[in-house]
N, C-alpha and C. Protein backbone atom coordinates (compact mmCIF):
# COMPACT_ATOMS: atom_id res chain seq x y z
N UNK A 1 12.93 16.94 -40.27
CA UNK A 1 12.45 17.67 -41.45
C UNK A 1 12.40 16.76 -42.66
N UNK A 2 13.43 15.91 -42.80
CA UNK A 2 13.46 15.01 -43.95
C UNK A 2 12.32 14.02 -43.89
N UNK A 3 12.02 13.50 -42.69
CA UNK A 3 10.92 12.55 -42.57
C UNK A 3 9.61 13.23 -42.96
N UNK A 4 9.41 14.46 -42.53
CA UNK A 4 8.21 15.21 -42.85
C UNK A 4 8.07 15.38 -44.35
N UNK A 5 9.16 15.73 -45.01
CA UNK A 5 9.11 15.94 -46.45
C UNK A 5 8.81 14.64 -47.19
N UNK A 6 9.41 13.55 -46.74
CA UNK A 6 9.15 12.26 -47.40
C UNK A 6 7.68 11.92 -47.32
N UNK A 7 7.08 12.12 -46.15
CA UNK A 7 5.66 11.81 -46.00
C UNK A 7 4.82 12.77 -46.83
N UNK A 8 5.21 14.03 -46.83
CA UNK A 8 4.42 15.04 -47.52
C UNK A 8 4.45 14.88 -49.03
N UNK A 9 5.57 14.39 -49.56
CA UNK A 9 5.73 14.33 -51.00
C UNK A 9 5.54 12.93 -51.58
N UNK A 10 5.06 12.00 -50.79
CA UNK A 10 4.92 10.63 -51.28
C UNK A 10 4.10 10.56 -52.56
N UNK A 11 3.07 11.40 -52.67
CA UNK A 11 2.23 11.41 -53.88
C UNK A 11 2.23 12.78 -54.53
N UNK A 12 3.33 13.48 -54.41
CA UNK A 12 3.34 14.87 -54.89
C UNK A 12 3.46 14.95 -56.40
N UNK A 13 4.05 13.96 -57.04
CA UNK A 13 4.29 14.03 -58.47
C UNK A 13 3.19 13.26 -59.19
N UNK A 14 2.27 13.99 -59.82
CA UNK A 14 1.20 13.35 -60.56
C UNK A 14 1.01 14.03 -61.91
N UNK A 15 0.89 13.26 -63.01
CA UNK A 15 0.46 13.87 -64.26
C UNK A 15 -1.01 14.22 -64.13
N UNK A 16 -1.32 15.49 -63.88
CA UNK A 16 -2.68 15.86 -63.53
C UNK A 16 -3.65 15.68 -64.69
N UNK A 17 -3.15 15.56 -65.91
CA UNK A 17 -4.04 15.35 -67.03
C UNK A 17 -4.52 13.90 -67.08
N UNK A 18 -3.86 13.03 -66.34
CA UNK A 18 -4.22 11.62 -66.33
C UNK A 18 -5.18 11.34 -65.17
N UNK A 19 -5.72 10.11 -65.15
CA UNK A 19 -6.61 9.74 -64.05
C UNK A 19 -5.83 9.68 -62.75
N UNK A 20 -6.50 9.95 -61.64
CA UNK A 20 -5.83 9.88 -60.35
C UNK A 20 -5.44 8.43 -60.06
N UNK A 21 -4.34 8.22 -59.35
CA UNK A 21 -3.87 6.86 -59.08
C UNK A 21 -4.85 6.10 -58.19
N UNK A 22 -4.91 4.80 -58.39
CA UNK A 22 -5.81 3.97 -57.61
C UNK A 22 -5.23 3.65 -56.24
N UNK A 23 -3.94 3.81 -56.07
CA UNK A 23 -3.30 3.45 -54.82
C UNK A 23 -2.08 4.32 -54.59
N UNK A 24 -1.59 4.29 -53.33
CA UNK A 24 -0.37 5.02 -53.01
C UNK A 24 0.81 4.47 -53.80
N UNK A 25 0.80 3.15 -54.03
CA UNK A 25 1.89 2.53 -54.78
C UNK A 25 1.93 3.07 -56.22
N UNK A 26 0.75 3.22 -56.83
CA UNK A 26 0.70 3.76 -58.19
C UNK A 26 1.19 5.19 -58.22
N UNK A 27 0.80 5.98 -57.20
CA UNK A 27 1.25 7.36 -57.12
C UNK A 27 2.76 7.43 -57.00
N UNK A 28 3.35 6.54 -56.20
CA UNK A 28 4.79 6.51 -56.03
C UNK A 28 5.49 6.13 -57.33
N UNK A 29 4.92 5.19 -58.06
CA UNK A 29 5.50 4.79 -59.35
C UNK A 29 5.53 5.98 -60.31
N UNK A 30 4.47 6.76 -60.34
CA UNK A 30 4.44 7.92 -61.22
C UNK A 30 5.45 8.96 -60.77
N UNK A 31 5.58 9.09 -59.44
CA UNK A 31 6.56 10.03 -58.92
C UNK A 31 7.96 9.65 -59.38
N UNK A 32 8.28 8.37 -59.29
CA UNK A 32 9.60 7.92 -59.71
C UNK A 32 9.82 8.17 -61.19
N UNK A 33 8.78 8.00 -62.00
CA UNK A 33 8.89 8.27 -63.43
C UNK A 33 9.24 9.73 -63.68
N UNK A 34 8.60 10.63 -62.95
CA UNK A 34 8.86 12.06 -63.12
C UNK A 34 10.25 12.41 -62.61
N UNK A 35 10.67 11.83 -61.50
CA UNK A 35 12.02 12.06 -61.01
C UNK A 35 13.05 11.63 -62.06
N UNK A 36 12.80 10.47 -62.68
CA UNK A 36 13.71 9.99 -63.72
C UNK A 36 13.76 10.95 -64.89
N UNK A 37 12.61 11.47 -65.27
CA UNK A 37 12.55 12.46 -66.36
C UNK A 37 13.40 13.68 -66.02
N UNK A 38 13.28 14.16 -64.79
CA UNK A 38 14.02 15.35 -64.37
C UNK A 38 15.51 15.06 -64.26
N UNK A 39 15.86 13.87 -63.77
CA UNK A 39 17.28 13.54 -63.64
C UNK A 39 17.95 13.39 -65.00
N UNK A 40 17.18 13.08 -66.03
CA UNK A 40 17.75 12.96 -67.37
C UNK A 40 18.04 14.32 -67.99
N UNK A 41 17.44 15.38 -67.44
CA UNK A 41 17.72 16.73 -67.90
C UNK A 41 16.92 17.13 -69.13
N UNK A 42 17.18 18.36 -69.58
CA UNK A 42 16.51 18.86 -70.76
C UNK A 42 15.13 19.42 -70.53
N UNK A 43 14.79 19.69 -69.27
CA UNK A 43 13.46 20.18 -68.92
C UNK A 43 13.52 21.63 -68.44
N UNK A 44 12.39 22.31 -68.55
CA UNK A 44 12.24 23.63 -67.97
C UNK A 44 11.21 23.52 -66.85
N UNK A 45 11.60 23.93 -65.66
CA UNK A 45 10.72 23.88 -64.50
C UNK A 45 10.10 25.26 -64.35
N UNK A 46 8.88 25.38 -64.83
CA UNK A 46 8.21 26.68 -64.90
C UNK A 46 7.28 26.82 -63.71
N UNK A 47 7.34 27.95 -63.05
CA UNK A 47 6.47 28.13 -61.89
C UNK A 47 6.08 29.58 -61.65
N UNK A 48 4.89 29.72 -61.12
CA UNK A 48 4.49 30.99 -60.53
C UNK A 48 5.12 31.04 -59.14
N UNK A 49 5.46 32.23 -58.68
CA UNK A 49 6.06 32.37 -57.35
C UNK A 49 5.24 31.66 -56.29
N UNK A 50 5.86 31.36 -55.16
CA UNK A 50 5.16 30.73 -54.04
C UNK A 50 4.15 31.70 -53.42
N UNK A 51 3.44 31.22 -52.43
CA UNK A 51 2.27 31.95 -51.90
C UNK A 51 2.63 33.36 -51.46
N UNK A 52 1.87 34.33 -51.97
CA UNK A 52 2.14 35.74 -51.69
C UNK A 52 0.84 36.54 -51.77
N UNK A 53 -0.02 36.39 -50.78
CA UNK A 53 -1.30 37.11 -50.82
C UNK A 53 -1.09 38.61 -50.71
N UNK A 54 -1.99 39.35 -51.32
CA UNK A 54 -1.89 40.81 -51.25
C UNK A 54 -2.30 41.35 -49.89
N UNK A 55 -1.89 42.58 -49.62
CA UNK A 55 -2.31 43.25 -48.40
C UNK A 55 -1.60 42.83 -47.14
N UNK A 56 -0.41 42.23 -47.27
CA UNK A 56 0.34 41.85 -46.06
C UNK A 56 0.77 43.10 -45.30
N UNK A 57 0.73 43.00 -44.00
CA UNK A 57 1.07 44.16 -43.16
C UNK A 57 2.57 44.36 -42.99
N UNK A 58 3.33 43.29 -43.12
CA UNK A 58 4.79 43.40 -42.91
C UNK A 58 5.52 42.57 -43.95
N UNK A 59 5.22 42.82 -45.21
CA UNK A 59 5.85 42.04 -46.28
C UNK A 59 7.34 42.35 -46.36
N UNK A 60 8.11 41.34 -46.73
CA UNK A 60 9.56 41.51 -46.81
C UNK A 60 10.07 40.86 -48.09
N UNK A 61 11.20 41.35 -48.57
CA UNK A 61 11.93 40.73 -49.66
C UNK A 61 13.30 40.32 -49.15
N UNK A 62 13.70 39.07 -49.41
CA UNK A 62 14.96 38.57 -48.86
C UNK A 62 16.15 38.86 -49.75
N UNK A 63 15.92 39.04 -51.04
CA UNK A 63 17.03 39.13 -51.99
C UNK A 63 17.43 40.58 -52.23
N UNK A 64 18.70 40.86 -52.05
CA UNK A 64 19.19 42.21 -52.29
C UNK A 64 18.95 42.61 -53.73
N UNK A 65 18.34 43.77 -53.92
CA UNK A 65 18.09 44.27 -55.27
C UNK A 65 16.73 43.93 -55.84
N UNK A 66 15.96 43.06 -55.14
CA UNK A 66 14.63 42.71 -55.68
C UNK A 66 13.66 43.85 -55.46
N UNK A 67 12.59 43.87 -56.27
CA UNK A 67 11.58 44.91 -56.19
C UNK A 67 10.42 44.42 -55.34
N UNK A 68 10.20 45.06 -54.21
CA UNK A 68 9.15 44.63 -53.29
C UNK A 68 7.89 45.45 -53.54
N UNK A 69 6.89 44.80 -54.14
CA UNK A 69 5.60 45.45 -54.29
C UNK A 69 4.94 45.52 -52.93
N UNK A 70 4.35 46.66 -52.55
CA UNK A 70 3.76 46.79 -51.22
C UNK A 70 2.79 45.64 -50.92
N UNK A 71 3.03 44.97 -49.80
CA UNK A 71 2.15 43.91 -49.35
C UNK A 71 2.25 42.60 -50.10
N UNK A 72 3.31 42.38 -50.91
CA UNK A 72 3.34 41.19 -51.78
C UNK A 72 4.62 40.38 -51.69
N UNK A 73 5.29 40.35 -50.58
CA UNK A 73 6.40 39.41 -50.43
C UNK A 73 5.87 38.02 -50.15
N UNK A 74 6.76 37.02 -50.09
CA UNK A 74 6.33 35.69 -49.69
C UNK A 74 5.89 35.73 -48.23
N UNK A 75 4.76 35.09 -47.94
CA UNK A 75 4.37 34.96 -46.54
C UNK A 75 4.95 33.67 -45.98
N UNK A 76 4.58 33.31 -44.76
CA UNK A 76 5.16 32.11 -44.13
C UNK A 76 4.89 30.86 -44.96
N UNK A 77 3.67 30.73 -45.48
CA UNK A 77 3.34 29.56 -46.29
C UNK A 77 4.19 29.53 -47.56
N UNK A 78 4.37 30.68 -48.19
CA UNK A 78 5.16 30.74 -49.40
C UNK A 78 6.61 30.36 -49.17
N UNK A 79 7.17 30.81 -48.05
CA UNK A 79 8.55 30.46 -47.73
C UNK A 79 8.70 28.95 -47.53
N UNK A 80 7.72 28.34 -46.85
CA UNK A 80 7.78 26.90 -46.63
C UNK A 80 7.60 26.15 -47.95
N UNK A 81 6.67 26.61 -48.80
CA UNK A 81 6.47 25.99 -50.12
C UNK A 81 7.78 25.95 -50.90
N UNK A 82 8.40 27.11 -51.05
CA UNK A 82 9.60 27.22 -51.88
C UNK A 82 10.74 26.41 -51.29
N UNK A 83 10.91 26.48 -49.97
CA UNK A 83 11.99 25.75 -49.33
C UNK A 83 11.78 24.25 -49.47
N UNK A 84 10.54 23.79 -49.32
CA UNK A 84 10.24 22.36 -49.45
C UNK A 84 10.55 21.87 -50.86
N UNK A 85 10.20 22.65 -51.87
CA UNK A 85 10.50 22.27 -53.25
C UNK A 85 12.01 22.20 -53.47
N UNK A 86 12.74 23.18 -52.94
CA UNK A 86 14.19 23.18 -53.09
C UNK A 86 14.83 21.97 -52.45
N UNK A 87 14.37 21.61 -51.25
CA UNK A 87 14.91 20.44 -50.56
C UNK A 87 14.59 19.16 -51.32
N UNK A 88 13.39 19.09 -51.87
CA UNK A 88 13.01 17.89 -52.62
C UNK A 88 13.88 17.71 -53.86
N UNK A 89 14.08 18.78 -54.62
CA UNK A 89 14.92 18.69 -55.82
C UNK A 89 16.34 18.27 -55.45
N UNK A 90 16.83 18.80 -54.33
CA UNK A 90 18.17 18.44 -53.89
C UNK A 90 18.25 16.98 -53.46
N UNK A 91 17.28 16.54 -52.68
CA UNK A 91 17.28 15.16 -52.19
C UNK A 91 17.16 14.15 -53.33
N UNK A 92 16.45 14.54 -54.39
CA UNK A 92 16.26 13.65 -55.53
C UNK A 92 17.35 13.82 -56.59
N UNK A 93 18.37 14.62 -56.27
CA UNK A 93 19.50 14.82 -57.19
C UNK A 93 19.07 15.31 -58.57
N UNK A 94 18.17 16.29 -58.56
CA UNK A 94 17.72 16.88 -59.81
C UNK A 94 18.71 17.96 -60.22
N UNK A 95 19.39 17.83 -61.36
CA UNK A 95 20.39 18.82 -61.77
C UNK A 95 19.74 20.12 -62.25
N UNK A 96 20.17 21.21 -61.66
CA UNK A 96 19.65 22.53 -62.03
C UNK A 96 20.81 23.38 -62.53
N UNK A 97 20.76 23.77 -63.80
CA UNK A 97 21.82 24.59 -64.38
C UNK A 97 21.76 26.01 -63.84
N UNK A 98 20.56 26.58 -63.83
CA UNK A 98 20.37 27.95 -63.37
C UNK A 98 18.87 28.22 -63.25
N UNK A 99 18.54 29.35 -62.67
CA UNK A 99 17.15 29.79 -62.61
C UNK A 99 17.07 31.21 -63.14
N UNK A 100 16.06 31.47 -63.93
CA UNK A 100 15.75 32.82 -64.36
C UNK A 100 14.48 33.26 -63.64
N UNK A 101 14.41 34.55 -63.31
CA UNK A 101 13.28 35.01 -62.51
C UNK A 101 12.91 36.45 -62.85
N UNK A 102 11.69 36.79 -62.51
CA UNK A 102 11.27 38.19 -62.47
C UNK A 102 12.06 38.88 -61.36
N UNK A 103 12.19 40.20 -61.44
CA UNK A 103 12.92 40.91 -60.39
C UNK A 103 12.03 41.21 -59.18
N UNK A 104 10.75 40.85 -59.23
CA UNK A 104 9.88 41.06 -58.08
C UNK A 104 10.30 40.12 -56.95
N UNK A 105 10.27 40.62 -55.73
CA UNK A 105 10.80 39.84 -54.59
C UNK A 105 10.11 38.50 -54.45
N UNK A 106 8.80 38.44 -54.65
CA UNK A 106 8.09 37.18 -54.44
C UNK A 106 8.54 36.11 -55.43
N UNK A 107 8.95 36.50 -56.64
CA UNK A 107 9.46 35.54 -57.61
C UNK A 107 10.93 35.24 -57.38
N UNK A 108 11.73 36.27 -57.16
CA UNK A 108 13.17 36.09 -56.98
C UNK A 108 13.47 35.28 -55.73
N UNK A 109 12.77 35.58 -54.64
CA UNK A 109 12.97 34.81 -53.40
C UNK A 109 12.57 33.35 -53.61
N UNK A 110 11.48 33.12 -54.34
CA UNK A 110 11.07 31.75 -54.66
C UNK A 110 12.16 31.03 -55.42
N UNK A 111 12.67 31.67 -56.45
CA UNK A 111 13.70 31.04 -57.29
C UNK A 111 14.93 30.68 -56.47
N UNK A 112 15.35 31.56 -55.59
CA UNK A 112 16.54 31.28 -54.77
C UNK A 112 16.34 30.05 -53.89
N UNK A 113 15.16 29.93 -53.29
CA UNK A 113 14.91 28.81 -52.39
C UNK A 113 14.75 27.50 -53.15
N UNK A 114 14.18 27.55 -54.34
CA UNK A 114 13.96 26.33 -55.12
C UNK A 114 15.24 25.88 -55.82
N UNK A 115 16.05 26.83 -56.29
CA UNK A 115 17.22 26.50 -57.11
C UNK A 115 18.40 25.99 -56.32
N UNK A 116 18.38 26.10 -55.01
CA UNK A 116 19.51 25.62 -54.21
C UNK A 116 20.76 26.42 -54.48
N UNK A 117 21.84 25.75 -54.88
CA UNK A 117 23.11 26.43 -55.11
C UNK A 117 23.27 26.91 -56.56
N UNK A 118 22.31 26.65 -57.41
CA UNK A 118 22.40 27.10 -58.80
C UNK A 118 22.25 28.61 -58.87
N UNK A 119 22.90 29.24 -59.84
CA UNK A 119 22.77 30.69 -59.97
C UNK A 119 21.35 31.10 -60.32
N UNK A 120 20.91 32.24 -59.75
CA UNK A 120 19.58 32.78 -60.00
C UNK A 120 19.74 34.16 -60.65
N UNK A 121 19.14 34.32 -61.82
CA UNK A 121 19.38 35.50 -62.64
C UNK A 121 18.06 36.20 -62.96
N UNK A 122 17.89 37.46 -62.55
CA UNK A 122 16.69 38.18 -62.97
C UNK A 122 16.75 38.48 -64.46
N UNK A 123 15.63 38.31 -65.15
CA UNK A 123 15.62 38.51 -66.59
C UNK A 123 14.31 39.19 -66.99
N UNK A 124 14.39 40.23 -67.82
CA UNK A 124 13.17 40.97 -68.20
C UNK A 124 12.13 40.11 -68.91
N UNK A 125 12.55 39.00 -69.52
CA UNK A 125 11.59 38.12 -70.20
C UNK A 125 10.63 37.46 -69.22
N UNK A 126 10.98 37.44 -67.94
CA UNK A 126 10.10 36.85 -66.94
C UNK A 126 9.14 37.86 -66.34
N UNK A 127 9.03 39.00 -67.03
CA UNK A 127 8.13 40.04 -66.54
C UNK A 127 7.45 40.77 -67.70
N UNK A 128 7.37 40.11 -68.86
CA UNK A 128 6.75 40.74 -70.02
C UNK A 128 5.93 39.73 -70.79
N UNK A 129 4.92 40.23 -71.50
CA UNK A 129 4.11 39.38 -72.37
C UNK A 129 4.41 39.67 -73.85
N UNK A 130 5.47 40.42 -74.11
CA UNK A 130 5.83 40.75 -75.49
C UNK A 130 6.22 39.48 -76.26
N UNK A 131 5.53 39.15 -77.35
CA UNK A 131 5.79 37.90 -78.07
C UNK A 131 7.21 37.76 -78.59
N UNK A 132 7.79 38.83 -79.11
CA UNK A 132 9.15 38.75 -79.66
C UNK A 132 10.17 38.47 -78.56
N UNK A 133 10.01 39.13 -77.43
CA UNK A 133 10.92 38.90 -76.31
C UNK A 133 10.81 37.47 -75.81
N UNK A 134 9.60 36.96 -75.72
CA UNK A 134 9.37 35.59 -75.25
C UNK A 134 9.96 34.58 -76.22
N UNK A 135 9.73 34.79 -77.52
CA UNK A 135 10.26 33.85 -78.53
C UNK A 135 11.78 33.80 -78.50
N UNK A 136 12.41 34.98 -78.36
CA UNK A 136 13.87 35.03 -78.32
C UNK A 136 14.40 34.35 -77.06
N UNK A 137 13.71 34.54 -75.94
CA UNK A 137 14.16 33.94 -74.68
C UNK A 137 14.00 32.43 -74.72
N UNK A 138 12.95 31.95 -75.34
CA UNK A 138 12.77 30.50 -75.48
C UNK A 138 13.93 29.89 -76.27
N UNK A 139 14.32 30.55 -77.33
CA UNK A 139 15.45 30.05 -78.14
C UNK A 139 16.73 30.04 -77.30
N UNK A 140 16.92 31.06 -76.46
CA UNK A 140 18.10 31.11 -75.59
C UNK A 140 18.10 29.93 -74.63
N UNK A 141 16.96 29.65 -74.03
CA UNK A 141 16.87 28.53 -73.09
C UNK A 141 17.14 27.21 -73.80
N UNK A 142 16.56 27.04 -74.99
CA UNK A 142 16.78 25.81 -75.75
C UNK A 142 18.27 25.63 -76.05
N UNK A 143 18.94 26.71 -76.42
CA UNK A 143 20.37 26.64 -76.71
C UNK A 143 21.18 26.27 -75.48
N UNK A 144 20.82 26.86 -74.34
CA UNK A 144 21.55 26.58 -73.10
C UNK A 144 21.37 25.13 -72.67
N UNK A 145 20.17 24.58 -72.83
CA UNK A 145 19.95 23.19 -72.47
C UNK A 145 20.68 22.25 -73.44
N UNK A 146 20.71 22.62 -74.71
CA UNK A 146 21.44 21.80 -75.70
C UNK A 146 22.93 21.78 -75.39
N UNK A 147 23.44 22.93 -74.97
CA UNK A 147 24.87 23.04 -74.67
C UNK A 147 25.24 22.40 -73.33
N UNK A 148 24.24 22.11 -72.52
CA UNK A 148 24.48 21.53 -71.20
C UNK A 148 23.58 20.31 -70.99
N UNK A 149 23.85 19.21 -71.70
CA UNK A 149 22.99 18.03 -71.59
C UNK A 149 22.94 17.51 -70.17
N UNK A 150 21.75 17.02 -69.80
CA UNK A 150 21.58 16.50 -68.45
C UNK A 150 21.19 17.53 -67.42
N UNK A 151 21.01 18.78 -67.84
CA UNK A 151 20.67 19.85 -66.92
C UNK A 151 19.23 20.33 -67.15
N UNK A 152 18.69 21.01 -66.14
CA UNK A 152 17.36 21.61 -66.21
C UNK A 152 17.47 23.10 -65.87
N UNK A 153 16.50 23.88 -66.29
CA UNK A 153 16.46 25.31 -66.01
C UNK A 153 15.13 25.65 -65.35
N UNK A 154 15.17 26.49 -64.31
CA UNK A 154 13.98 26.95 -63.61
C UNK A 154 13.58 28.33 -64.13
N UNK A 155 12.28 28.54 -64.34
CA UNK A 155 11.73 29.86 -64.62
C UNK A 155 10.73 30.20 -63.53
N UNK A 156 10.95 31.29 -62.81
CA UNK A 156 10.04 31.70 -61.73
C UNK A 156 9.48 33.08 -62.05
N UNK A 157 8.16 33.14 -62.23
CA UNK A 157 7.57 34.42 -62.61
C UNK A 157 6.20 34.59 -61.98
N UNK A 158 5.19 34.90 -62.80
CA UNK A 158 3.89 35.32 -62.30
C UNK A 158 2.76 34.61 -63.06
N UNK A 159 1.53 34.81 -62.58
CA UNK A 159 0.39 34.08 -63.12
C UNK A 159 0.13 34.38 -64.60
N UNK A 160 0.51 35.58 -65.05
CA UNK A 160 0.29 35.93 -66.45
C UNK A 160 1.49 35.63 -67.34
N UNK A 161 2.61 35.24 -66.74
CA UNK A 161 3.84 34.99 -67.50
C UNK A 161 4.11 33.49 -67.65
N UNK A 162 4.05 32.75 -66.55
CA UNK A 162 4.40 31.32 -66.58
C UNK A 162 3.62 30.53 -67.64
N UNK A 163 2.31 30.78 -67.85
CA UNK A 163 1.61 30.02 -68.90
C UNK A 163 2.16 30.26 -70.30
N UNK A 164 2.84 31.36 -70.52
CA UNK A 164 3.43 31.65 -71.83
C UNK A 164 4.63 30.75 -72.11
N UNK A 165 5.11 30.06 -71.07
CA UNK A 165 6.24 29.14 -71.20
C UNK A 165 5.81 27.69 -70.98
N UNK A 166 4.55 27.40 -71.20
CA UNK A 166 4.09 26.01 -71.17
C UNK A 166 3.52 25.53 -69.86
N UNK A 167 3.38 26.39 -68.86
CA UNK A 167 2.74 26.00 -67.60
C UNK A 167 1.23 26.03 -67.84
N UNK A 168 0.66 24.88 -68.11
CA UNK A 168 -0.73 24.79 -68.55
C UNK A 168 -1.68 25.03 -67.39
N UNK A 169 -2.65 25.91 -67.61
CA UNK A 169 -3.70 26.16 -66.62
C UNK A 169 -4.86 25.21 -66.90
N UNK A 170 -5.26 24.46 -65.88
CA UNK A 170 -6.35 23.51 -66.06
C UNK A 170 -7.70 24.23 -66.15
N UNK A 171 -8.66 23.56 -66.77
CA UNK A 171 -9.98 24.18 -66.99
C UNK A 171 -10.65 24.58 -65.68
N UNK A 172 -10.40 23.82 -64.63
CA UNK A 172 -11.05 24.11 -63.35
C UNK A 172 -10.38 25.26 -62.59
N UNK A 173 -9.27 25.76 -63.12
CA UNK A 173 -8.50 26.80 -62.42
C UNK A 173 -8.74 28.17 -63.03
N UNK A 174 -8.90 29.16 -62.17
CA UNK A 174 -9.01 30.54 -62.65
C UNK A 174 -7.65 31.08 -63.09
N UNK A 175 -6.59 30.62 -62.44
CA UNK A 175 -5.24 31.03 -62.79
C UNK A 175 -4.27 29.96 -62.29
N UNK A 176 -3.02 30.07 -62.70
CA UNK A 176 -2.01 29.09 -62.32
C UNK A 176 -1.79 29.12 -60.80
N UNK A 177 -1.77 27.97 -60.14
CA UNK A 177 -1.54 27.96 -58.69
C UNK A 177 -0.16 28.49 -58.32
N UNK A 178 -0.06 29.06 -57.14
CA UNK A 178 1.21 29.53 -56.62
C UNK A 178 2.05 28.38 -56.09
N UNK A 179 3.38 28.53 -56.19
CA UNK A 179 4.29 27.59 -55.55
C UNK A 179 4.23 26.18 -56.07
N UNK A 180 3.93 26.00 -57.36
CA UNK A 180 3.84 24.69 -57.98
C UNK A 180 4.76 24.66 -59.19
N UNK A 181 5.61 23.64 -59.29
CA UNK A 181 6.49 23.49 -60.45
C UNK A 181 5.75 22.77 -61.57
N UNK A 182 5.81 23.32 -62.76
CA UNK A 182 5.24 22.71 -63.95
C UNK A 182 6.39 22.24 -64.83
N UNK A 183 6.42 20.96 -65.15
CA UNK A 183 7.50 20.40 -65.96
C UNK A 183 7.15 20.61 -67.43
N UNK A 184 8.07 21.24 -68.16
CA UNK A 184 7.84 21.58 -69.57
C UNK A 184 9.01 21.09 -70.41
N UNK A 185 8.71 20.49 -71.54
CA UNK A 185 9.75 20.11 -72.50
C UNK A 185 9.89 21.24 -73.51
N UNK A 186 11.07 21.83 -73.64
CA UNK A 186 11.23 23.00 -74.52
C UNK A 186 11.06 22.69 -76.01
N UNK A 187 11.05 21.42 -76.38
CA UNK A 187 10.79 21.09 -77.78
C UNK A 187 9.35 21.41 -78.15
N UNK A 188 8.48 21.53 -77.13
CA UNK A 188 7.07 21.79 -77.38
C UNK A 188 6.60 23.11 -76.76
N UNK A 189 7.13 23.44 -75.60
CA UNK A 189 6.64 24.56 -74.81
C UNK A 189 5.14 24.42 -74.59
N UNK A 190 4.73 23.21 -74.31
CA UNK A 190 3.33 22.92 -74.07
C UNK A 190 3.23 21.75 -73.11
N UNK A 191 3.78 21.94 -71.90
CA UNK A 191 3.82 20.84 -70.95
C UNK A 191 4.74 19.74 -71.42
N UNK A 192 4.36 18.51 -71.19
CA UNK A 192 5.10 17.34 -71.66
C UNK A 192 4.16 16.56 -72.57
N UNK A 193 4.43 16.61 -73.85
CA UNK A 193 3.56 16.00 -74.85
C UNK A 193 2.13 16.48 -74.68
N UNK A 194 2.00 17.77 -74.40
CA UNK A 194 0.68 18.37 -74.26
C UNK A 194 -0.02 18.08 -72.95
N UNK A 195 0.63 17.33 -72.06
CA UNK A 195 0.03 16.98 -70.78
C UNK A 195 0.59 17.80 -69.64
N UNK A 196 -0.08 17.74 -68.50
CA UNK A 196 0.31 18.51 -67.33
C UNK A 196 1.02 17.61 -66.33
N UNK A 197 2.25 17.97 -66.00
CA UNK A 197 2.98 17.30 -64.92
C UNK A 197 3.41 18.37 -63.93
N UNK A 198 2.99 18.23 -62.69
CA UNK A 198 3.27 19.25 -61.68
C UNK A 198 3.94 18.63 -60.46
N UNK A 199 4.74 19.45 -59.80
CA UNK A 199 5.33 19.10 -58.52
C UNK A 199 4.66 20.01 -57.49
N UNK A 200 3.87 19.42 -56.63
CA UNK A 200 3.05 20.18 -55.70
C UNK A 200 3.55 19.98 -54.28
N UNK A 201 3.99 21.04 -53.60
CA UNK A 201 4.44 20.87 -52.21
C UNK A 201 3.25 20.67 -51.29
N UNK A 202 3.35 19.67 -50.43
CA UNK A 202 2.33 19.45 -49.41
C UNK A 202 2.84 20.07 -48.12
N UNK A 203 2.33 21.22 -47.78
CA UNK A 203 2.81 21.92 -46.59
C UNK A 203 1.62 22.32 -45.73
N UNK A 204 1.90 22.48 -44.45
CA UNK A 204 0.87 22.90 -43.51
C UNK A 204 1.48 23.93 -42.57
N UNK A 205 0.80 25.06 -42.46
CA UNK A 205 1.23 26.11 -41.54
C UNK A 205 0.26 26.13 -40.36
N UNK A 206 0.80 26.00 -39.15
CA UNK A 206 -0.03 26.01 -37.96
C UNK A 206 0.16 27.34 -37.22
N UNK A 207 -0.92 28.04 -37.02
CA UNK A 207 -0.85 29.32 -36.32
C UNK A 207 -1.06 29.08 -34.83
N UNK A 208 -0.25 29.71 -34.02
CA UNK A 208 -0.37 29.58 -32.58
C UNK A 208 -0.45 30.97 -31.93
N UNK A 209 -1.33 31.09 -31.00
CA UNK A 209 -1.43 32.33 -30.25
C UNK A 209 -0.27 32.43 -29.27
N UNK A 210 0.30 33.61 -29.15
CA UNK A 210 1.42 33.83 -28.25
C UNK A 210 1.03 34.86 -27.21
N UNK A 211 1.21 34.52 -25.94
CA UNK A 211 0.89 35.43 -24.85
C UNK A 211 2.19 35.95 -24.26
N UNK A 212 2.31 37.25 -24.17
CA UNK A 212 3.50 37.88 -23.57
C UNK A 212 3.12 38.44 -22.23
N UNK A 213 3.83 38.04 -21.19
CA UNK A 213 3.53 38.54 -19.84
C UNK A 213 4.63 39.45 -19.34
């Protein structure tokens, strides 16, 4: 599994606002730069939940107490996305103070898998577009990061919430992609110096037919 992840994530860290790398070596250099940024702490890892298409026939929620919208739990791809991101953060020794999440199962389950052993806390600010609530929550996060230097905080929510915390949607995108970490500096709440830095899991789900005799 570790070998698979290493191959899959060799070029996973790219500042998407910049030109694409000319070589695998350049991509790796950028990845190391982003890892260093994360290891230094003081970042907010903002993400929309992992893959959760609507209309699932047997959707499930893994976290006790989460709210399962009919047909909208993480599917197999979403589970692999979130788990791969969690393993990568752990392998790269990225310090995570805690994760805040929406109480919806697809977000809460994502946060648990990505955050590893860090506490995961459902918070109403991850499920509202109210400006006052968002502004107050941003100040809370800034205070927590200031009080805990060298740490990072994860926010796991939804396509209409994550952009309010600096997860920039690119012009070519209709909405924020699922299962992608957006690195945000809380001094700006606008990406990193106005640019987009994302951690994108490279995963592949292979479907196989099963015959029962």
